[in-house]
């Protein structure tokens, strides 16, 4: 019994002919290098987004710390 992965079902729904060529005839689609480069760029972008979210959280934390210090300094 052959196992068909969920990603293969998605590939089949997108283009049955391409799925057949890849799965049955074992012909790889062109552009493997471009897809690998795109995957790398998406990974790098994901790291950039994660880093910017961390900086935003740090900025919010520093803002509230500054507000708390300002309030404390105004207390008698």
C-alpha atoms as a PDB file:
ATOM      1  CA  UNK A   1       0.000   0.000   0.000  1.00  0.00           C
ATOM      2  CA  UNK A   2       1.446   3.354  -1.047  1.00  0.00           C
ATOM      3  CA  UNK A   3       1.176   6.316   1.273  1.00  0.00           C
ATOM      4  CA  UNK A   4       0.012   9.584  -0.230  1.00  0.00           C
ATOM      5  CA  UNK A   5       0.931  12.627   1.840  1.00  0.00           C
ATOM      6  CA  UNK A   6      -1.350  15.602   2.398  1.00  0.00           C
ATOM      7  CA  UNK A   7       1.049  17.809   0.429  1.00  0.00           C
ATOM      8  CA  UNK A   8       0.635  15.454  -2.530  1.00  0.00           C
ATOM      9  CA  UNK A   9      -3.120  15.839  -2.356  1.00  0.00           C
ATOM     10  CA  UNK A  10      -2.646  19.594  -2.469  1.00  0.00           C
ATOM     11  CA  UNK A  11      -0.308  19.233  -5.446  1.00  0.00           C
ATOM     12  CA  UNK A  12      -2.846  16.984  -7.180  1.00  0.00           C
ATOM     13  CA  UNK A  13      -5.681  19.446  -6.593  1.00  0.00           C
ATOM     14  CA  UNK A  14      -3.505  22.284  -7.908  1.00  0.00           C
ATOM     15  CA  UNK A  15      -2.413  20.385 -11.031  1.00  0.00           C
ATOM     16  CA  UNK A  16      -3.173  16.697 -11.503  1.00  0.00           C
ATOM     17  CA  UNK A  17      -0.883  16.453 -14.527  1.00  0.00           C
ATOM     18  CA  UNK A  18       2.114  17.864 -12.638  1.00  0.00           C
ATOM     19  CA  UNK A  19       1.430  15.489  -9.736  1.00  0.00           C
ATOM     20  CA  UNK A  20       1.274  12.548 -12.145  1.00  0.00           C
ATOM     21  CA  UNK A  21       4.502  13.566 -13.891  1.00  0.00           C
ATOM     22  CA  UNK A  22       6.280  13.869 -10.554  1.00  0.00           C
ATOM     23  CA  UNK A  23       4.815  10.824  -8.801  1.00  0.00           C
ATOM     24  CA  UNK A  24       4.411   8.278 -11.635  1.00  0.00           C
ATOM     25  CA  UNK A  25       6.886   9.324 -14.339  1.00  0.00           C
ATOM     26  CA  UNK A  26       9.329  10.748 -11.753  1.00  0.00           C
ATOM     27  CA  UNK A  27      10.049  13.925 -13.671  1.00  0.00           C
ATOM     28  CA  UNK A  28      11.091  16.769 -11.384  1.00  0.00           C
ATOM     29  CA  UNK A  29       9.646  20.177 -12.177  1.00  0.00           C
ATOM     30  CA  UNK A  30      12.026  22.871 -13.338  1.00  0.00           C
ATOM     31  CA  UNK A  31      13.126  25.684 -11.094  1.00  0.00           C
ATOM     32  CA  UNK A  32      14.378  23.685  -8.124  1.00  0.00           C
ATOM     33  CA  UNK A  33      17.113  26.275  -7.500  1.00  0.00           C
ATOM     34  CA  UNK A  34      14.613  29.150  -7.628  1.00  0.00           C
ATOM     35  CA  UNK A  35      12.334  27.379  -5.155  1.00  0.00           C
ATOM     36  CA  UNK A  36      15.273  26.687  -2.841  1.00  0.00           C
ATOM     37  CA  UNK A  37      16.293  30.358  -3.025  1.00  0.00           C
ATOM     38  CA  UNK A  38      12.687  31.394  -2.342  1.00  0.00           C
ATOM     39  CA  UNK A  39      12.517  29.086   0.653  1.00  0.00           C
ATOM     40  CA  UNK A  40      15.744  30.589   1.993  1.00  0.00           C
ATOM     41  CA  UNK A  41      14.441  34.143   1.489  1.00  0.00           C
ATOM     42  CA  UNK A  42      11.176  33.291   3.248  1.00  0.00           C
ATOM     43  CA  UNK A  43      13.105  31.791   6.165  1.00  0.00           C
ATOM     44  CA  UNK A  44      15.272  34.903   6.452  1.00  0.00           C
ATOM     45  CA  UNK A  45      12.196  37.118   6.296  1.00  0.00           C
ATOM     46  CA  UNK A  46      10.577  35.055   9.047  1.00  0.00           C
ATOM     47  CA  UNK A  47      13.615  35.594  11.260  1.00  0.00           C
ATOM     48  CA  UNK A  48      13.473  39.333  10.550  1.00  0.00           C
ATOM     49  CA  UNK A  49       9.781  39.474  11.467  1.00  0.00           C
ATOM     50  CA  UNK A  50      10.389  37.537  14.688  1.00  0.00           C
ATOM     51  CA  UNK A  51      13.251  39.871  15.625  1.00  0.00           C
ATOM     52  CA  UNK A  52      11.152  42.970  14.939  1.00  0.00           C
ATOM     53  CA  UNK A  53       8.327  41.578  17.100  1.00  0.00           C
ATOM     54  CA  UNK A  54      10.796  41.015  19.930  1.00  0.00           C
ATOM     55  CA  UNK A  55      12.065  44.593  19.577  1.00  0.00           C
ATOM     56  CA  UNK A  56       8.494  45.882  19.653  1.00  0.00           C
ATOM     57  CA  UNK A  57       7.800  43.973  22.877  1.00  0.00           C
ATOM     58  CA  UNK A  58      11.009  45.353  24.365  1.00  0.00           C
ATOM     59  CA  UNK A  59      10.011  48.895  23.382  1.00  0.00           C
ATOM     60  CA  UNK A  60       6.564  48.481  24.955  1.00  0.00           C
ATOM     61  CA  UNK A  61       8.141  47.111  28.132  1.00  0.00           C
ATOM     62  CA  UNK A  62      10.609  50.003  28.303  1.00  0.00           C
ATOM     63  CA  UNK A  63       7.786  52.491  27.729  1.00  0.00           C
ATOM     64  CA  UNK A  64       5.782  51.137  30.653  1.00  0.00           C
ATOM     65  CA  UNK A  65       8.911  51.008  32.817  1.00  0.00           C
ATOM     66  CA  UNK A  66       9.522  54.672  31.998  1.00  0.00           C
ATOM     67  CA  UNK A  67       5.928  55.581  32.836  1.00  0.00           C
ATOM     68  CA  UNK A  68       6.200  53.675  36.123  1.00  0.00           C
ATOM     69  CA  UNK A  69       9.442  55.479  37.003  1.00  0.00           C
ATOM     70  CA  UNK A  70       7.876  58.843  36.164  1.00  0.00           C
ATOM     71  CA  UNK A  71       4.890  58.097  38.395  1.00  0.00           C
ATOM     72  CA  UNK A  72       7.131  56.871  41.210  1.00  0.00           C
ATOM     73  CA  UNK A  73       9.323  59.978  40.975  1.00  0.00           C
ATOM     74  CA  UNK A  74       6.235  62.200  41.398  1.00  0.00           C
ATOM     75  CA  UNK A  75       5.211  60.487  44.657  1.00  0.00           C
ATOM     76  CA  UNK A  76       6.002  62.432  47.838  1.00  0.00           C
END
